[in-house]
C-alpha atoms as a PDB file:
ATOM      1  CA  MET A   1       0.018   0.003   0.016  1.00  0.00           C
ATOM      2  CA  LYS A   2       1.313   3.518  -0.802  1.00  0.00           C
ATOM      3  CA  ASP A   3       2.724   5.498   2.017  1.00  0.00           C
ATOM      4  CA  LYS A   4       2.122   9.016   3.319  1.00  0.00           C
ATOM      5  CA  ASN A   5       4.851  10.510   1.205  1.00  0.00           C
ATOM      6  CA  TYR A   6       3.220   9.047  -1.956  1.00  0.00           C
ATOM      7  CA  TRP A   7      -0.170  10.553  -1.106  1.00  0.00           C
ATOM      8  CA  ASN A   8       1.322  13.913  -0.003  1.00  0.00           C
ATOM      9  CA  GLY A   9       3.049  14.091  -3.441  1.00  0.00           C
ATOM     10  CA  PHE A  10      -0.172  13.042  -5.173  1.00  0.00           C
ATOM     11  CA  TYR A  11      -2.238  15.832  -3.520  1.00  0.00           C
ATOM     12  CA  SER A  12       0.602  18.311  -4.104  1.00  0.00           C
ATOM     13  CA  ASN A  13       0.928  17.547  -7.757  1.00  0.00           C
ATOM     14  CA  ASN A  14      -2.409  16.241  -9.052  1.00  0.00           C
ATOM     15  CA  PRO A  15      -5.280  18.502  -8.396  1.00  0.00           C
ATOM     16  CA  GLY A  16      -8.369  17.087 -10.220  1.00  0.00           C
ATOM     17  CA  GLU A  17     -11.135  14.563  -9.938  1.00  0.00           C
ATOM     18  CA  MET A  18     -10.039  13.288  -6.493  1.00  0.00           C
ATOM     19  CA  GLU A  19     -10.450  16.858  -5.142  1.00  0.00           C
ATOM     20  CA  ARG A  20     -13.352  18.192  -7.179  1.00  0.00           C
ATOM     21  CA  ASP A  21     -16.479  16.131  -7.411  1.00  0.00           C
ATOM     22  CA  PRO A  22     -18.027  13.877  -4.827  1.00  0.00           C
ATOM     23  CA  SER A  23     -18.513  10.232  -5.575  1.00  0.00           C
ATOM     24  CA  ALA A  24     -21.461   9.602  -7.926  1.00  0.00           C
ATOM     25  CA  PHE A  25     -22.374   6.521  -5.748  1.00  0.00           C
ATOM     26  CA  LEU A  26     -22.510   8.689  -2.660  1.00  0.00           C
ATOM     27  CA  LYS A  27     -24.576  11.400  -4.431  1.00  0.00           C
ATOM     28  CA  ASP A  28     -27.004   8.776  -5.758  1.00  0.00           C
ATOM     29  CA  HIS A  29     -27.468   7.040  -2.363  1.00  0.00           C
ATOM     30  CA  ILE A  30     -27.089   9.825   0.222  1.00  0.00           C
ATOM     31  CA  ASP A  31     -30.806   9.738   1.139  1.00  0.00           C
ATOM     32  CA  SER A  32     -30.368   6.088   2.154  1.00  0.00           C
ATOM     33  CA  LEU A  33     -27.840   7.054   4.823  1.00  0.00           C
ATOM     34  CA  ARG A  34     -28.871   7.641   8.476  1.00  0.00           C
ATOM     35  CA  LYS A  35     -28.762  11.448   9.086  1.00  0.00           C
ATOM     36  CA  GLY A  36     -26.738  12.850  11.980  1.00  0.00           C
ATOM     37  CA  LYS A  37     -23.133  12.600  12.920  1.00  0.00           C
ATOM     38  CA  ALA A  38     -20.929  11.274  10.055  1.00  0.00           C
ATOM     39  CA  ILE A  39     -17.305  10.446   9.493  1.00  0.00           C
ATOM     40  CA  ASP A  40     -15.569  10.268   6.180  1.00  0.00           C
ATOM     41  CA  VAL A  41     -12.692   7.765   6.472  1.00  0.00           C
ATOM     42  CA  ALA A  42      -9.696   8.393   4.137  1.00  0.00           C
ATOM     43  CA  CYS A  43     -11.330  11.550   3.142  1.00  0.00           C
ATOM     44  CA  GLY A  44      -8.588  12.903   0.881  1.00  0.00           C
ATOM     45  CA  ALA A  45      -9.225  16.560  -0.054  1.00  0.00           C
ATOM     46  CA  GLY A  46     -12.690  16.341   1.389  1.00  0.00           C
ATOM     47  CA  ARG A  47     -14.909  16.160  -1.663  1.00  0.00           C
ATOM     48  CA  ASN A  48     -17.282  13.697   0.006  1.00  0.00           C
ATOM     49  CA  SER A  49     -17.205  15.406   3.403  1.00  0.00           C
ATOM     50  CA  LEU A  50     -18.324  18.593   1.761  1.00  0.00           C
ATOM     51  CA  LEU A  51     -21.326  16.791   0.171  1.00  0.00           C
ATOM     52  CA  LEU A  52     -22.258  15.217   3.548  1.00  0.00           C
ATOM     53  CA  ALA A  53     -22.133  18.749   5.249  1.00  0.00           C
ATOM     54  CA  GLU A  54     -24.152  20.289   2.439  1.00  0.00           C
ATOM     55  CA  LYS A  55     -26.840  17.614   3.090  1.00  0.00           C
ATOM     56  CA  GLY A  56     -27.043  18.432   6.775  1.00  0.00           C
ATOM     57  CA  PHE A  57     -24.729  15.886   8.324  1.00  0.00           C
ATOM     58  CA  SER A  58     -22.400  16.895  11.187  1.00  0.00           C
ATOM     59  CA  VAL A  59     -19.108  15.770   9.615  1.00  0.00           C
ATOM     60  CA  GLU A  60     -15.753  14.648  10.854  1.00  0.00           C
ATOM     61  CA  ALA A  61     -13.199  13.437   8.376  1.00  0.00           C
ATOM     62  CA  MET A  62      -9.740  11.961   8.507  1.00  0.00           C
ATOM     63  CA  ASP A  63      -6.857  11.057   6.187  1.00  0.00           C
ATOM     64  CA  PHE A  64      -3.203  10.405   6.804  1.00  0.00           C
ATOM     65  CA  SER A  65      -2.096  12.873   4.018  1.00  0.00           C
ATOM     66  CA  ASP A  66      -1.540  16.211   5.727  1.00  0.00           C
ATOM     67  CA  VAL A  67      -1.389  17.816   2.294  1.00  0.00           C
ATOM     68  CA  ALA A  68      -4.945  16.436   1.520  1.00  0.00           C
ATOM     69  CA  ILE A  69      -6.267  17.614   4.869  1.00  0.00           C
ATOM     70  CA  SER A  70      -4.842  21.046   4.340  1.00  0.00           C
ATOM     71  CA  LYS A  71      -6.664  21.273   1.010  1.00  0.00           C
ATOM     72  CA  ALA A  72      -9.818  19.995   2.564  1.00  0.00           C
ATOM     73  CA  VAL A  73      -9.704  22.609   5.371  1.00  0.00           C
ATOM     74  CA  THR A  74      -9.037  25.430   2.778  1.00  0.00           C
ATOM     75  CA  ARG A  75     -11.935  24.296   0.649  1.00  0.00           C
ATOM     76  CA  SER A  76     -14.467  23.788   3.475  1.00  0.00           C
ATOM     77  CA  THR A  77     -13.551  27.195   4.934  1.00  0.00           C
ATOM     78  CA  ALA A  78     -14.007  28.895   1.499  1.00  0.00           C
ATOM     79  CA  GLU A  79     -17.399  27.108   1.088  1.00  0.00           C
ATOM     80  CA  GLY A  80     -18.480  27.998   4.660  1.00  0.00           C
ATOM     81  CA  LYS A  81     -18.797  24.371   5.766  1.00  0.00           C
ATOM     82  CA  SER A  82     -18.011  23.392   9.366  1.00  0.00           C
ATOM     83  CA  ILE A  83     -16.141  20.049   9.154  1.00  0.00           C
ATOM     84  CA  GLU A  84     -13.650  18.650  11.640  1.00  0.00           C
ATOM     85  CA  PHE A  85     -10.742  17.408   9.728  1.00  0.00           C
ATOM     86  CA  LYS A  86      -8.039  15.254  11.335  1.00  0.00           C
ATOM     87  CA  THR A  87      -4.634  13.997  10.033  1.00  0.00           C
ATOM     88  CA  MET A  88      -4.322  10.497  11.242  1.00  0.00           C
ATOM     89  CA  SER A  89      -3.365   6.911  10.153  1.00  0.00           C
ATOM     90  CA  LEU A  90      -6.077   4.277   9.911  1.00  0.00           C
ATOM     91  CA  ASP A  91      -3.624   1.469  10.652  1.00  0.00           C
ATOM     92  CA  PHE A  92      -4.404   1.611  14.377  1.00  0.00           C
ATOM     93  CA  TYR A  93      -7.668   3.549  14.289  1.00  0.00           C
ATOM     94  CA  LEU A  94      -9.926   2.758  17.244  1.00  0.00           C
ATOM     95  CA  ALA A  95     -13.469   4.134  16.806  1.00  0.00           C
ATOM     96  CA  PRO A  96     -15.381   5.690  19.624  1.00  0.00           C
ATOM     97  CA  ILE A  97     -18.136   3.423  20.493  1.00  0.00           C
ATOM     98  CA  GLN A  98     -21.566   4.168  18.895  1.00  0.00           C
ATOM     99  CA  LYS A  99     -20.686   7.757  18.128  1.00  0.00           C
ATOM    100  CA  TYR A 100     -21.650   7.949  14.414  1.00  0.00           C
ATOM    101  CA  ASP A 101     -24.961   7.630  12.537  1.00  0.00           C
ATOM    102  CA  THR A 102     -23.068   7.183   9.208  1.00  0.00           C
ATOM    103  CA  ILE A 103     -19.534   6.212   8.160  1.00  0.00           C
ATOM    104  CA  ILE A 104     -18.281   6.469   4.649  1.00  0.00           C
ATOM    105  CA  ALA A 105     -15.142   5.164   2.928  1.00  0.00           C
ATOM    106  CA  VAL A 106     -14.850   6.064  -0.729  1.00  0.00           C
ATOM    107  CA  ASP A 107     -11.927   4.884  -2.958  1.00  0.00           C
ATOM    108  CA  TYR A 108     -10.245   3.144  -0.036  1.00  0.00           C
ATOM    109  CA  LYS A 109     -10.110  -0.541   0.676  1.00  0.00           C
ATOM    110  CA  CYS A 110     -11.106  -1.106   4.334  1.00  0.00           C
ATOM    111  CA  ILE A 111      -9.439  -4.168   5.831  1.00  0.00           C
ATOM    112  CA  PRO A 112     -11.606  -6.401   8.029  1.00  0.00           C
ATOM    113  CA  ARG A 113     -10.130  -4.957  11.268  1.00  0.00           C
ATOM    114  CA  LEU A 114     -11.071  -1.365  10.172  1.00  0.00           C
ATOM    115  CA  ILE A 115     -14.604  -2.566   9.230  1.00  0.00           C
ATOM    116  CA  ASP A 116     -14.855  -4.051  12.688  1.00  0.00           C
ATOM    117  CA  GLU A 117     -13.910  -0.676  14.165  1.00  0.00           C
ATOM    118  CA  ILE A 118     -16.379   1.105  11.901  1.00  0.00           C
ATOM    119  CA  LYS A 119     -19.115  -1.161  13.066  1.00  0.00           C
ATOM    120  CA  LYS A 120     -18.219  -0.358  16.731  1.00  0.00           C
ATOM    121  CA  GLY A 121     -18.293   3.306  15.864  1.00  0.00           C
ATOM    122  CA  LEU A 122     -21.846   3.178  14.458  1.00  0.00           C
ATOM    123  CA  VAL A 123     -25.060   3.470  16.487  1.00  0.00           C
ATOM    124  CA  ILE A 124     -27.599   0.667  16.142  1.00  0.00           C
ATOM    125  CA  GLY A 125     -29.221   1.213  12.717  1.00  0.00           C
ATOM    126  CA  GLY A 126     -26.248   3.330  11.585  1.00  0.00           C
ATOM    127  CA  THR A 127     -25.170   3.110   7.968  1.00  0.00           C
ATOM    128  CA  PHE A 128     -21.856   2.334   6.308  1.00  0.00           C
ATOM    129  CA  LEU A 129     -21.312   3.304   2.681  1.00  0.00           C
ATOM    130  CA  VAL A 130     -18.166   1.917   1.108  1.00  0.00           C
ATOM    131  CA  GLU A 131     -16.890   2.163  -2.445  1.00  0.00           C
ATOM    132  CA  ALA A 132     -13.515   0.697  -3.521  1.00  0.00           C
ATOM    133  CA  TYR A 133     -11.760  -0.703  -6.585  1.00  0.00           C
ATOM    134  CA  THR A 134     -11.652  -4.366  -7.393  1.00  0.00           C
ATOM    135  CA  TYR A 135      -9.025  -6.450  -9.015  1.00  0.00           C
ATOM    136  CA  ASN A 136     -10.903  -6.200 -12.278  1.00  0.00           C
ATOM    137  CA  HIS A 137      -9.851  -2.576 -12.384  1.00  0.00           C
ATOM    138  CA  LEU A 138      -6.208  -3.589 -12.416  1.00  0.00           C
ATOM    139  CA  LYS A 139      -6.832  -6.082 -15.142  1.00  0.00           C
ATOM    140  CA  ASN A 140      -8.762  -3.542 -17.272  1.00  0.00           C
ATOM    141  CA  ASN A 141      -6.407  -0.631 -16.599  1.00  0.00           C
ATOM    142  CA  PRO A 142      -2.885  -2.124 -16.639  1.00  0.00           C
ATOM    143  CA  LYS A 143      -1.197   1.336 -16.633  1.00  0.00           C
ATOM    144  CA  THR A 144      -2.830   2.309 -13.352  1.00  0.00           C
ATOM    145  CA  GLU A 145      -0.502   3.100 -10.376  1.00  0.00           C
ATOM    146  CA  MET A 146      -2.889   1.146  -8.045  1.00  0.00           C
ATOM    147  CA  GLU A 147      -1.518  -1.918  -6.217  1.00  0.00           C
ATOM    148  CA  THR A 148      -3.327  -5.155  -5.576  1.00  0.00           C
ATOM    149  CA  ASP A 149      -3.526  -4.585  -1.793  1.00  0.00           C
ATOM    150  CA  GLU A 150      -5.647  -1.465  -2.568  1.00  0.00           C
ATOM    151  CA  CYS A 151      -8.296  -3.540  -4.399  1.00  0.00           C
ATOM    152  CA  TYR A 152     -10.912  -6.113  -3.286  1.00  0.00           C
ATOM    153  CA  LYS A 153     -11.120  -9.498  -4.832  1.00  0.00           C
ATOM    154  CA  SER A 154     -14.398 -10.396  -6.520  1.00  0.00           C
ATOM    155  CA  PHE A 155     -17.106 -10.457  -3.856  1.00  0.00           C
ATOM    156  CA  GLU A 156     -14.544 -10.071  -1.006  1.00  0.00           C
ATOM    157  CA  LEU A 157     -16.334  -7.035   0.288  1.00  0.00           C
ATOM    158  CA  ALA A 158     -19.742  -8.810   0.123  1.00  0.00           C
ATOM    159  CA  ASN A 159     -18.297 -11.688   2.056  1.00  0.00           C
ATOM    160  CA  ILE A 160     -17.019  -9.439   4.723  1.00  0.00           C
ATOM    161  CA  LEU A 161     -20.252  -7.464   5.094  1.00  0.00           C
ATOM    162  CA  SER A 162     -22.333 -10.676   5.061  1.00  0.00           C
ATOM    163  CA  ARG A 163     -21.081 -11.403   8.566  1.00  0.00           C
ATOM    164  CA  GLY A 164     -22.867  -9.198  11.070  1.00  0.00           C
ATOM    165  CA  TRP A 165     -24.307  -6.507   8.780  1.00  0.00           C
ATOM    166  CA  ASN A 166     -27.601  -6.024   7.019  1.00  0.00           C
ATOM    167  CA  LEU A 167     -26.784  -5.191   3.329  1.00  0.00           C
ATOM    168  CA  LEU A 168     -29.065  -2.521   1.938  1.00  0.00           C
ATOM    169  CA  TYR A 169     -27.167  -2.300  -1.383  1.00  0.00           C
ATOM    170  CA  TYR A 170     -24.342  -4.163  -3.103  1.00  0.00           C
ATOM    171  CA  ASP A 171     -22.870  -4.332  -6.570  1.00  0.00           C
ATOM    172  CA  GLU A 172     -19.670  -4.919  -8.411  1.00  0.00           C
ATOM    173  CA  ARG A 173     -19.441  -3.429 -11.927  1.00  0.00           C
ATOM    174  CA  VAL A 174     -17.637  -1.135 -14.272  1.00  0.00           C
ATOM    175  CA  ILE A 175     -18.841   2.396 -14.585  1.00  0.00           C
ATOM    176  CA  ASN A 176     -16.968   4.905 -16.723  1.00  0.00           C
ATOM    177  CA  GLY A 177     -14.018   2.479 -16.984  1.00  0.00           C
ATOM    178  CA  GLU A 178     -13.709   2.032 -13.181  1.00  0.00           C
ATOM    179  CA  SER A 179     -14.341  -1.482 -11.723  1.00  0.00           C
ATOM    180  CA  LYS A 180     -15.550  -1.015  -8.204  1.00  0.00           C
ATOM    181  CA  ALA A 181     -17.441  -2.731  -5.327  1.00  0.00           C
ATOM    182  CA  ARG A 182     -20.104  -0.548  -3.777  1.00  0.00           C
ATOM    183  CA  ALA A 183     -22.090  -1.259  -0.621  1.00  0.00           C
ATOM    184  CA  ILE A 184     -24.412   0.202   1.925  1.00  0.00           C
ATOM    185  CA  ALA A 185     -24.662  -1.802   5.097  1.00  0.00           C
ATOM    186  CA  ILE A 186     -26.724  -1.206   8.259  1.00  0.00           C
ATOM    187  CA  LYS A 187     -25.484  -2.088  11.720  1.00  0.00           C
ATOM    188  CA  PRO A 188     -28.081  -4.484  13.138  1.00  0.00           C
ATOM    189  CA  SER A 189     -29.446  -4.475  16.690  1.00  0.00           C
ATOM    190  CA  TYR A 190     -28.036  -7.983  17.451  1.00  0.00           C
END
């Protein structure tokens, strides 16, 4: 997996899609998410955090790239959005218990340990939206800089979420040349 220096360089040198527009999947399904306190995991330059704030969520966001967080703070301030951004690694992230109504992770492969933490951090009935690349993206885009450990195997995410979550939505497909797994899961009461 790419390190902090890579992502700081990326956000320093590549302004563009990863900073501009929120995820189409998030935009299309934002009304399915539980309103209230939300956290954007691996938020990058804050494009999805800004959408959540615009739609009335109280938003926290985190990323380990301090360059991305700096850009996110600048943009949210310019747009008049109150979002709490934090620079932190997700390697040892411990979620506060039942603090969030919604947690999102877009363009980031959440390992099972992180998904367990996300579940702890959600209230009963809280929603988890995840969107990440699959191995098929690597096969179909051989020149990508993405690494295999940044992608899910076919139905790997579905298998992880089938244990202890209620799946509201799941698909794996190609949209605009990107092969991704997309899911919305609900933390059950049991």
